[in-house]
């Protein structure tokens, strides 16, 4: 029984590429979540400062 190394390489390459694609997507989602959290926490802090000033 022979091994089709071309097909095995194709499966390995697709799997390897998919792992990196998912890691990139995850990194972008985490980065965007950080931006949203920073914007919302900054907005709440500013309104809190305005309330204390009044």
Protein backbone atom coordinates (compact mmCIF):
# COMPACT_ATOMS: atom_id res chain seq x y z
CA UNK A 1 0.00 0.00 0.00
CA UNK A 2 1.61 3.22 -1.17
CA UNK A 3 1.38 6.66 0.30
CA UNK A 4 0.26 9.51 -1.93
CA UNK A 5 2.69 12.11 -0.63
CA UNK A 6 1.23 14.84 -2.81
CA UNK A 7 -2.20 14.40 -1.27
CA UNK A 8 -0.70 14.09 2.23
CA UNK A 9 1.18 17.35 1.68
CA UNK A 10 -1.98 19.03 0.43
CA UNK A 11 -3.91 17.96 3.54
CA UNK A 12 -1.08 19.10 5.80
CA UNK A 13 -0.75 22.43 4.00
CA UNK A 14 -4.47 23.15 4.14
CA UNK A 15 -4.58 22.26 7.83
CA UNK A 16 -1.54 24.38 8.60
CA UNK A 17 -2.98 27.31 6.64
CA UNK A 18 -6.34 26.98 8.36
CA UNK A 19 -4.70 27.11 11.79
CA UNK A 20 -2.91 30.35 10.91
CA UNK A 21 -6.07 31.83 9.35
CA UNK A 22 -8.06 31.09 12.51
CA UNK A 23 -5.31 32.55 14.70
CA UNK A 24 -5.32 35.75 12.63
CA UNK A 25 -9.12 35.99 12.84
CA UNK A 26 -8.97 35.43 16.60
CA UNK A 27 -6.28 38.10 17.00
CA UNK A 28 -8.38 40.63 15.05
CA UNK A 29 -11.48 39.85 17.11
CA UNK A 30 -9.56 40.26 20.38
CA UNK A 31 -8.04 43.53 19.13
CA UNK A 32 -11.47 44.89 18.14
CA UNK A 33 -12.92 43.83 21.49
CA UNK A 34 -10.12 45.70 23.24
CA UNK A 35 -10.89 48.82 21.22
CA UNK A 36 -14.59 48.62 22.09
CA UNK A 37 -13.87 48.09 25.79
CA UNK A 38 -11.42 50.98 25.82
CA UNK A 39 -13.88 53.32 24.09
CA UNK A 40 -16.76 52.39 26.40
CA UNK A 41 -14.71 52.61 29.58
CA UNK A 42 -13.27 55.98 28.47
CA UNK A 43 -16.76 57.27 27.73
CA UNK A 44 -18.04 56.20 31.14
CA UNK A 45 -15.05 57.73 32.89
CA UNK A 46 -15.63 61.06 31.14
CA UNK A 47 -19.32 61.17 32.07
CA UNK A 48 -18.35 60.33 35.65
CA UNK A 49 -15.92 63.27 35.70
CA UNK A 50 -18.61 65.60 34.35
CA UNK A 51 -21.06 64.47 37.00
CA UNK A 52 -18.52 65.09 39.76
CA UNK A 53 -17.75 68.53 38.36
CA UNK A 54 -21.40 69.65 38.37
